[in-house]
């Protein structure tokens, strides 16, 4: 199975373009929004050089090199269009290379960097399932949901994989889902419990239908897949970027 994978770019940005550059290239920017249309995307990091504030590095993390190549092929046109639109923001850019992550085996009692790395990966996969482009794509749902997947919804109703798959593909006007407060607990080798809070984000920025969520993710020959999910109504919470 492929290991997590990162692409690193370097940019030189003039002072008058830095604020706009950060909006486009940051973790919630235009590039990250494009990448999130693929369930294998994990996260983007934007780094600014302390000694040379006009120098930036971006690190885009993916579930695997294979997944990244597939994304570049399928989204070639929007990738090219966004790249052309952002050219005016930089004096220079350089592809510093593609890197495979070296992570230790995770098991109960693991801590530190291996746990943080897996938390980042599973959070990215979980949030991919919040995206309309993924929810409406049967092939992507099959890649992310285990064949034996089951869910207990916030209403208490139980669903099998076929039920959820059909509901998501038929979904109209999919809600904007906000999620935060992710915590990962290793349960066994290749099995982890991810808990977090979510809500629907309205047009005025308020949160409705607050829910405490718990997912079991299992590592399989096809990659990490969600085996079980449960949602439980919870008290309202303040929105933050955690």
C-alpha atoms as a PDB file:
ATOM      1  CA  UNK A   1       0.000   0.000   0.000  1.00  0.00           C
ATOM      2  CA  UNK A   2       1.295   3.473  -0.856  1.00  0.00           C
ATOM      3  CA  UNK A   3       2.415   5.724   1.994  1.00  0.00           C
ATOM      4  CA  UNK A   4       1.269   9.318   2.562  1.00  0.00           C
ATOM      5  CA  UNK A   5       2.869  11.676   0.105  1.00  0.00           C
ATOM      6  CA  UNK A   6       3.678  15.407  -0.058  1.00  0.00           C
ATOM      7  CA  UNK A   7       4.425  17.897  -2.841  1.00  0.00           C
ATOM      8  CA  UNK A   8       6.509  20.955  -1.873  1.00  0.00           C
ATOM      9  CA  UNK A   9       6.689  24.246  -3.789  1.00  0.00           C
ATOM     10  CA  UNK A  10       8.732  27.397  -3.166  1.00  0.00           C
ATOM     11  CA  UNK A  11       7.493  30.899  -4.063  1.00  0.00           C
ATOM     12  CA  UNK A  12       8.925  34.413  -4.105  1.00  0.00           C
ATOM     13  CA  UNK A  13       6.097  36.897  -3.539  1.00  0.00           C
ATOM     14  CA  UNK A  14       6.323  40.722  -3.780  1.00  0.00           C
ATOM     15  CA  UNK A  15       5.175  42.662  -0.672  1.00  0.00           C
ATOM     16  CA  UNK A  16       2.037  44.076  -2.305  1.00  0.00           C
ATOM     17  CA  UNK A  17       0.798  40.592  -3.257  1.00  0.00           C
ATOM     18  CA  UNK A  18       1.481  38.691  -0.025  1.00  0.00           C
ATOM     19  CA  UNK A  19      -1.971  39.083   1.534  1.00  0.00           C
ATOM     20  CA  UNK A  20      -3.729  37.829  -1.599  1.00  0.00           C
ATOM     21  CA  UNK A  21      -1.143  35.074  -2.045  1.00  0.00           C
ATOM     22  CA  UNK A  22      -1.840  33.814   1.467  1.00  0.00           C
ATOM     23  CA  UNK A  23      -5.591  33.787   0.773  1.00  0.00           C
ATOM     24  CA  UNK A  24      -5.132  31.616  -2.311  1.00  0.00           C
ATOM     25  CA  UNK A  25      -2.368  29.308  -1.055  1.00  0.00           C
ATOM     26  CA  UNK A  26      -3.313  28.880   2.611  1.00  0.00           C
ATOM     27  CA  UNK A  27      -5.065  25.863   4.189  1.00  0.00           C
ATOM     28  CA  UNK A  28      -8.519  27.247   3.330  1.00  0.00           C
ATOM     29  CA  UNK A  29      -7.516  28.943   0.061  1.00  0.00           C
ATOM     30  CA  UNK A  30      -8.363  28.408  -3.590  1.00  0.00           C
ATOM     31  CA  UNK A  31      -5.846  25.610  -4.083  1.00  0.00           C
ATOM     32  CA  UNK A  32      -7.024  23.698  -1.015  1.00  0.00           C
ATOM     33  CA  UNK A  33     -10.630  24.047  -2.179  1.00  0.00           C
ATOM     34  CA  UNK A  34      -9.691  22.524  -5.533  1.00  0.00           C
ATOM     35  CA  UNK A  35      -7.732  19.702  -3.873  1.00  0.00           C
ATOM     36  CA  UNK A  36     -10.633  18.869  -1.521  1.00  0.00           C
ATOM     37  CA  UNK A  37     -12.671  17.686  -4.481  1.00  0.00           C
ATOM     38  CA  UNK A  38     -10.529  14.539  -4.302  1.00  0.00           C
ATOM     39  CA  UNK A  39     -11.024  12.267  -1.257  1.00  0.00           C
ATOM     40  CA  UNK A  40      -7.321  11.372  -1.182  1.00  0.00           C
ATOM     41  CA  UNK A  41      -6.281  14.965  -0.375  1.00  0.00           C
ATOM     42  CA  UNK A  42      -5.193  15.419   3.247  1.00  0.00           C
ATOM     43  CA  UNK A  43      -4.082  18.974   3.962  1.00  0.00           C
ATOM     44  CA  UNK A  44      -2.053  22.003   2.879  1.00  0.00           C
ATOM     45  CA  UNK A  45       0.581  23.779   4.969  1.00  0.00           C
ATOM     46  CA  UNK A  46       1.733  27.319   4.088  1.00  0.00           C
ATOM     47  CA  UNK A  47       5.098  28.373   5.546  1.00  0.00           C
ATOM     48  CA  UNK A  48       6.646  31.859   5.487  1.00  0.00           C
ATOM     49  CA  UNK A  49      10.412  32.406   5.822  1.00  0.00           C
ATOM     50  CA  UNK A  50      11.119  34.422   8.992  1.00  0.00           C
ATOM     51  CA  UNK A  51      14.304  35.910   7.537  1.00  0.00           C
ATOM     52  CA  UNK A  52      12.850  36.588   4.077  1.00  0.00           C
ATOM     53  CA  UNK A  53       9.101  37.310   4.439  1.00  0.00           C
ATOM     54  CA  UNK A  54       8.575  37.220   0.678  1.00  0.00           C
ATOM     55  CA  UNK A  55       9.650  33.560   0.518  1.00  0.00           C
ATOM     56  CA  UNK A  56       6.987  30.907   1.046  1.00  0.00           C
ATOM     57  CA  UNK A  57       6.793  27.125   0.968  1.00  0.00           C
ATOM     58  CA  UNK A  58       3.614  25.133   0.395  1.00  0.00           C
ATOM     59  CA  UNK A  59       3.335  21.484   1.425  1.00  0.00           C
ATOM     60  CA  UNK A  60       0.351  19.603  -0.012  1.00  0.00           C
ATOM     61  CA  UNK A  61      -0.256  16.196   1.579  1.00  0.00           C
ATOM     62  CA  UNK A  62      -2.026  13.326  -0.185  1.00  0.00           C
ATOM     63  CA  UNK A  63      -2.941   9.794   0.759  1.00  0.00           C
ATOM     64  CA  UNK A  64      -0.527   8.437  -1.849  1.00  0.00           C
ATOM     65  CA  UNK A  65       1.531   9.371  -4.900  1.00  0.00           C
ATOM     66  CA  UNK A  66      -0.846   7.329  -7.045  1.00  0.00           C
ATOM     67  CA  UNK A  67      -3.810   9.341  -5.777  1.00  0.00           C
ATOM     68  CA  UNK A  68      -2.032  12.628  -6.487  1.00  0.00           C
ATOM     69  CA  UNK A  69      -1.203  11.610 -10.057  1.00  0.00           C
ATOM     70  CA  UNK A  70      -4.829  10.586 -10.576  1.00  0.00           C
ATOM     71  CA  UNK A  71      -6.002  13.963  -9.283  1.00  0.00           C
ATOM     72  CA  UNK A  72      -3.669  15.828 -11.647  1.00  0.00           C
ATOM     73  CA  UNK A  73      -5.012  13.865 -14.595  1.00  0.00           C
ATOM     74  CA  UNK A  74      -8.702  14.250 -13.714  1.00  0.00           C
ATOM     75  CA  UNK A  75      -8.493  17.915 -12.712  1.00  0.00           C
ATOM     76  CA  UNK A  76      -5.948  19.054 -15.289  1.00  0.00           C
ATOM     77  CA  UNK A  77      -8.140  21.846 -16.693  1.00  0.00           C
ATOM     78  CA  UNK A  78      -9.156  23.570 -13.407  1.00  0.00           C
ATOM     79  CA  UNK A  79      -5.599  23.110 -12.069  1.00  0.00           C
ATOM     80  CA  UNK A  80      -4.168  24.859 -15.126  1.00  0.00           C
ATOM     81  CA  UNK A  81      -6.746  27.655 -14.960  1.00  0.00           C
ATOM     82  CA  UNK A  82      -6.054  28.361 -11.277  1.00  0.00           C
ATOM     83  CA  UNK A  83      -2.307  28.235 -11.868  1.00  0.00           C
ATOM     84  CA  UNK A  84      -2.619  30.828 -14.634  1.00  0.00           C
ATOM     85  CA  UNK A  85      -4.838  33.063 -12.470  1.00  0.00           C
ATOM     86  CA  UNK A  86      -2.264  33.028  -9.651  1.00  0.00           C
ATOM     87  CA  UNK A  87       0.826  33.664 -11.786  1.00  0.00           C
ATOM     88  CA  UNK A  88       0.594  37.429 -11.220  1.00  0.00           C
ATOM     89  CA  UNK A  89       1.056  36.945  -7.458  1.00  0.00           C
ATOM     90  CA  UNK A  90       4.608  35.581  -7.618  1.00  0.00           C
ATOM     91  CA  UNK A  91       7.999  36.645  -8.930  1.00  0.00           C
ATOM     92  CA  UNK A  92       9.280  33.092  -9.026  1.00  0.00           C
ATOM     93  CA  UNK A  93       8.107  29.581  -8.200  1.00  0.00           C
ATOM     94  CA  UNK A  94       9.972  26.292  -8.007  1.00  0.00           C
ATOM     95  CA  UNK A  95       8.867  22.689  -7.606  1.00  0.00           C
ATOM     96  CA  UNK A  96      11.081  21.377  -4.773  1.00  0.00           C
ATOM     97  CA  UNK A  97       9.979  17.789  -5.289  1.00  0.00           C
ATOM     98  CA  UNK A  98       7.633  15.039  -4.169  1.00  0.00           C
ATOM     99  CA  UNK A  99       8.280  13.187  -0.917  1.00  0.00           C
ATOM    100  CA  UNK A 100       7.012   9.981   0.651  1.00  0.00           C
ATOM    101  CA  UNK A 101       6.328  10.091   4.387  1.00  0.00           C
ATOM    102  CA  UNK A 102       8.087   7.599   6.629  1.00  0.00           C
ATOM    103  CA  UNK A 103       5.701   6.809   9.471  1.00  0.00           C
ATOM    104  CA  UNK A 104       6.040   4.242  12.225  1.00  0.00           C
ATOM    105  CA  UNK A 105       3.494   1.466  12.735  1.00  0.00           C
ATOM    106  CA  UNK A 106       0.605   2.725  14.860  1.00  0.00           C
ATOM    107  CA  UNK A 107      -0.768   0.662  17.708  1.00  0.00           C
ATOM    108  CA  UNK A 108      -2.458   1.304  21.070  1.00  0.00           C
ATOM    109  CA  UNK A 109      -0.136   3.434  23.191  1.00  0.00           C
ATOM    110  CA  UNK A 110       1.412   5.178  20.187  1.00  0.00           C
ATOM    111  CA  UNK A 111       1.995   8.907  20.584  1.00  0.00           C
ATOM    112  CA  UNK A 112       3.893  11.787  19.084  1.00  0.00           C
ATOM    113  CA  UNK A 113       4.514  12.166  15.370  1.00  0.00           C
ATOM    114  CA  UNK A 114       3.040   8.814  14.165  1.00  0.00           C
ATOM    115  CA  UNK A 115      -0.240   9.622  15.902  1.00  0.00           C
ATOM    116  CA  UNK A 116      -0.308  13.201  14.600  1.00  0.00           C
ATOM    117  CA  UNK A 117       0.425  11.982  11.076  1.00  0.00           C
ATOM    118  CA  UNK A 118      -2.411   9.461  11.130  1.00  0.00           C
ATOM    119  CA  UNK A 119      -4.789  11.987  12.701  1.00  0.00           C
ATOM    120  CA  UNK A 120      -4.067  14.354   9.823  1.00  0.00           C
ATOM    121  CA  UNK A 121      -4.625  11.603   7.259  1.00  0.00           C
ATOM    122  CA  UNK A 122      -7.905  10.332   8.729  1.00  0.00           C
ATOM    123  CA  UNK A 123      -9.219  13.843   9.333  1.00  0.00           C
ATOM    124  CA  UNK A 124      -8.630  14.558   5.650  1.00  0.00           C
ATOM    125  CA  UNK A 125     -10.482  11.412   4.595  1.00  0.00           C
ATOM    126  CA  UNK A 126     -13.356  12.162   6.969  1.00  0.00           C
ATOM    127  CA  UNK A 127     -13.681  15.724   5.691  1.00  0.00           C
ATOM    128  CA  UNK A 128     -13.587  14.480   2.105  1.00  0.00           C
ATOM    129  CA  UNK A 129     -16.866  12.707   2.864  1.00  0.00           C
ATOM    130  CA  UNK A 130     -18.333  16.119   3.715  1.00  0.00           C
ATOM    131  CA  UNK A 131     -17.685  17.433   0.185  1.00  0.00           C
ATOM    132  CA  UNK A 132     -20.542  17.352  -2.378  1.00  0.00           C
ATOM    133  CA  UNK A 133     -18.177  16.217  -5.156  1.00  0.00           C
ATOM    134  CA  UNK A 134     -17.293  13.115  -3.124  1.00  0.00           C
ATOM    135  CA  UNK A 135     -20.762  12.437  -1.701  1.00  0.00           C
ATOM    136  CA  UNK A 136     -22.204  12.298  -5.213  1.00  0.00           C
ATOM    137  CA  UNK A 137     -19.527  10.010  -6.666  1.00  0.00           C
ATOM    138  CA  UNK A 138     -20.181   6.290  -6.187  1.00  0.00           C
ATOM    139  CA  UNK A 139     -16.606   5.261  -6.982  1.00  0.00           C
ATOM    140  CA  UNK A 140     -15.163   7.622  -4.385  1.00  0.00           C
ATOM    141  CA  UNK A 141     -17.672   6.459  -1.786  1.00  0.00           C
ATOM    142  CA  UNK A 142     -16.696   2.849  -2.486  1.00  0.00           C
ATOM    143  CA  UNK A 143     -13.033   3.781  -1.975  1.00  0.00           C
ATOM    144  CA  UNK A 144     -13.700   5.441   1.389  1.00  0.00           C
ATOM    145  CA  UNK A 145     -16.417   3.225   2.890  1.00  0.00           C
ATOM    146  CA  UNK A 146     -15.633  -0.346   3.955  1.00  0.00           C
ATOM    147  CA  UNK A 147     -17.798  -3.053   2.315  1.00  0.00           C
ATOM    148  CA  UNK A 148     -19.190  -3.843   5.794  1.00  0.00           C
ATOM    149  CA  UNK A 149     -19.779  -0.177   6.681  1.00  0.00           C
ATOM    150  CA  UNK A 150     -22.672   0.648   9.011  1.00  0.00           C
ATOM    151  CA  UNK A 151     -23.917   3.950  10.397  1.00  0.00           C
ATOM    152  CA  UNK A 152     -26.185   5.013  13.226  1.00  0.00           C
ATOM    153  CA  UNK A 153     -27.482   8.453  12.327  1.00  0.00           C
ATOM    154  CA  UNK A 154     -28.164  11.304  14.756  1.00  0.00           C
ATOM    155  CA  UNK A 155     -31.837  10.244  14.601  1.00  0.00           C
ATOM    156  CA  UNK A 156     -30.934   6.773  15.883  1.00  0.00           C
ATOM    157  CA  UNK A 157     -31.680   5.083  12.571  1.00  0.00           C
ATOM    158  CA  UNK A 158     -29.254   2.381  11.397  1.00  0.00           C
ATOM    159  CA  UNK A 159     -27.912   2.325   7.828  1.00  0.00           C
ATOM    160  CA  UNK A 160     -25.885  -0.190   5.820  1.00  0.00           C
ATOM    161  CA  UNK A 161     -23.369   0.903   3.206  1.00  0.00           C
ATOM    162  CA  UNK A 162     -25.846   0.496   0.336  1.00  0.00           C
ATOM    163  CA  UNK A 163     -28.355   2.739   2.161  1.00  0.00           C
ATOM    164  CA  UNK A 164     -25.874   5.540   2.777  1.00  0.00           C
ATOM    165  CA  UNK A 165     -24.399   5.265  -0.699  1.00  0.00           C
ATOM    166  CA  UNK A 166     -27.827   5.663  -2.318  1.00  0.00           C
ATOM    167  CA  UNK A 167     -28.821   8.550  -0.037  1.00  0.00           C
ATOM    168  CA  UNK A 168     -25.641  10.509  -0.663  1.00  0.00           C
ATOM    169  CA  UNK A 169     -25.668  10.047  -4.436  1.00  0.00           C
ATOM    170  CA  UNK A 170     -29.302  11.209  -4.572  1.00  0.00           C
ATOM    171  CA  UNK A 171     -28.660  14.164  -2.244  1.00  0.00           C
ATOM    172  CA  UNK A 172     -29.841  17.536  -3.552  1.00  0.00           C
ATOM    173  CA  UNK A 173     -28.514  20.851  -2.223  1.00  0.00           C
ATOM    174  CA  UNK A 174     -25.918  19.180  -0.026  1.00  0.00           C
ATOM    175  CA  UNK A 175     -25.270  21.140   3.188  1.00  0.00           C
ATOM    176  CA  UNK A 176     -22.010  22.923   3.911  1.00  0.00           C
ATOM    177  CA  UNK A 177     -20.528  20.881   6.759  1.00  0.00           C
ATOM    178  CA  UNK A 178     -18.264  22.432   9.375  1.00  0.00           C
ATOM    179  CA  UNK A 179     -16.110  20.095  11.500  1.00  0.00           C
ATOM    180  CA  UNK A 180     -13.609  20.636  14.322  1.00  0.00           C
ATOM    181  CA  UNK A 181     -12.094  19.199  17.527  1.00  0.00           C
ATOM    182  CA  UNK A 182     -10.757  15.999  15.947  1.00  0.00           C
ATOM    183  CA  UNK A 183      -9.299  13.402  18.315  1.00  0.00           C
ATOM    184  CA  UNK A 184      -7.833  10.034  17.287  1.00  0.00           C
ATOM    185  CA  UNK A 185      -7.662   7.009  19.584  1.00  0.00           C
ATOM    186  CA  UNK A 186      -5.740   3.930  18.336  1.00  0.00           C
ATOM    187  CA  UNK A 187      -7.732   0.796  19.159  1.00  0.00           C
ATOM    188  CA  UNK A 188      -5.592  -1.909  17.536  1.00  0.00           C
ATOM    189  CA  UNK A 189      -2.995  -2.176  14.819  1.00  0.00           C
ATOM    190  CA  UNK A 190      -4.670  -0.744  11.731  1.00  0.00           C
ATOM    191  CA  UNK A 191      -7.817   0.391  13.561  1.00  0.00           C
ATOM    192  CA  UNK A 192      -8.536   3.847  14.982  1.00  0.00           C
ATOM    193  CA  UNK A 193     -11.488   5.774  16.405  1.00  0.00           C
ATOM    194  CA  UNK A 194     -11.879   9.366  15.195  1.00  0.00           C
ATOM    195  CA  UNK A 195     -14.190  11.668  17.173  1.00  0.00           C
ATOM    196  CA  UNK A 196     -15.120  15.268  16.394  1.00  0.00           C
ATOM    197  CA  UNK A 197     -17.943  17.805  16.348  1.00  0.00           C
ATOM    198  CA  UNK A 198     -19.766  18.932  13.224  1.00  0.00           C
ATOM    199  CA  UNK A 199     -22.624  21.202  12.201  1.00  0.00           C
ATOM    200  CA  UNK A 200     -24.252  22.626   9.102  1.00  0.00           C
ATOM    201  CA  UNK A 201     -22.831  26.030   8.197  1.00  0.00           C
ATOM    202  CA  UNK A 202     -25.532  28.492   7.098  1.00  0.00           C
ATOM    203  CA  UNK A 203     -25.170  31.404   4.686  1.00  0.00           C
ATOM    204  CA  UNK A 204     -24.847  33.886   7.555  1.00  0.00           C
ATOM    205  CA  UNK A 205     -22.013  31.885   9.142  1.00  0.00           C
ATOM    206  CA  UNK A 206     -24.020  30.348  12.001  1.00  0.00           C
ATOM    207  CA  UNK A 207     -23.906  26.661  12.936  1.00  0.00           C
ATOM    208  CA  UNK A 208     -27.056  24.488  13.081  1.00  0.00           C
ATOM    209  CA  UNK A 209     -27.632  20.786  13.834  1.00  0.00           C
ATOM    210  CA  UNK A 210     -24.594  20.425  16.134  1.00  0.00           C
ATOM    211  CA  UNK A 211     -23.514  16.789  16.294  1.00  0.00           C
ATOM    212  CA  UNK A 212     -20.893  14.731  18.106  1.00  0.00           C
ATOM    213  CA  UNK A 213     -19.482  12.204  15.644  1.00  0.00           C
ATOM    214  CA  UNK A 214     -17.454   9.025  15.991  1.00  0.00           C
ATOM    215  CA  UNK A 215     -15.937   6.974  13.160  1.00  0.00           C
ATOM    216  CA  UNK A 216     -13.981   3.737  13.103  1.00  0.00           C
ATOM    217  CA  UNK A 217     -11.316   3.689  10.378  1.00  0.00           C
ATOM    218  CA  UNK A 218      -9.659   0.442   9.349  1.00  0.00           C
ATOM    219  CA  UNK A 219      -6.553   0.006   7.250  1.00  0.00           C
ATOM    220  CA  UNK A 220      -7.238  -2.382   4.358  1.00  0.00           C
ATOM    221  CA  UNK A 221      -5.348  -3.422   1.203  1.00  0.00           C
ATOM    222  CA  UNK A 222      -7.306  -0.636  -0.548  1.00  0.00           C
ATOM    223  CA  UNK A 223      -6.196   1.985   2.003  1.00  0.00           C
ATOM    224  CA  UNK A 224      -7.930   3.394   5.065  1.00  0.00           C
ATOM    225  CA  UNK A 225     -11.703   2.876   4.959  1.00  0.00           C
ATOM    226  CA  UNK A 226     -14.511   3.886   7.311  1.00  0.00           C
ATOM    227  CA  UNK A 227     -15.978   0.816   8.974  1.00  0.00           C
ATOM    228  CA  UNK A 228     -18.550   2.452  11.257  1.00  0.00           C
ATOM    229  CA  UNK A 229     -19.959   5.923  11.933  1.00  0.00           C
ATOM    230  CA  UNK A 230     -22.323   7.320  14.544  1.00  0.00           C
ATOM    231  CA  UNK A 231     -23.775  10.801  15.018  1.00  0.00           C
ATOM    232  CA  UNK A 232     -25.325  12.046  18.270  1.00  0.00           C
ATOM    233  CA  UNK A 233     -26.995  15.457  18.768  1.00  0.00           C
ATOM    234  CA  UNK A 234     -24.949  17.657  21.099  1.00  0.00           C
ATOM    235  CA  UNK A 235     -24.995  21.143  22.601  1.00  0.00           C
ATOM    236  CA  UNK A 236     -24.218  24.147  20.397  1.00  0.00           C
ATOM    237  CA  UNK A 237     -20.539  25.035  20.157  1.00  0.00           C
ATOM    238  CA  UNK A 238     -18.387  27.950  19.068  1.00  0.00           C
ATOM    239  CA  UNK A 239     -16.784  27.684  15.666  1.00  0.00           C
ATOM    240  CA  UNK A 240     -12.995  27.591  15.549  1.00  0.00           C
ATOM    241  CA  UNK A 241     -10.319  26.164  13.291  1.00  0.00           C
ATOM    242  CA  UNK A 242      -9.349  23.104  15.337  1.00  0.00           C
END
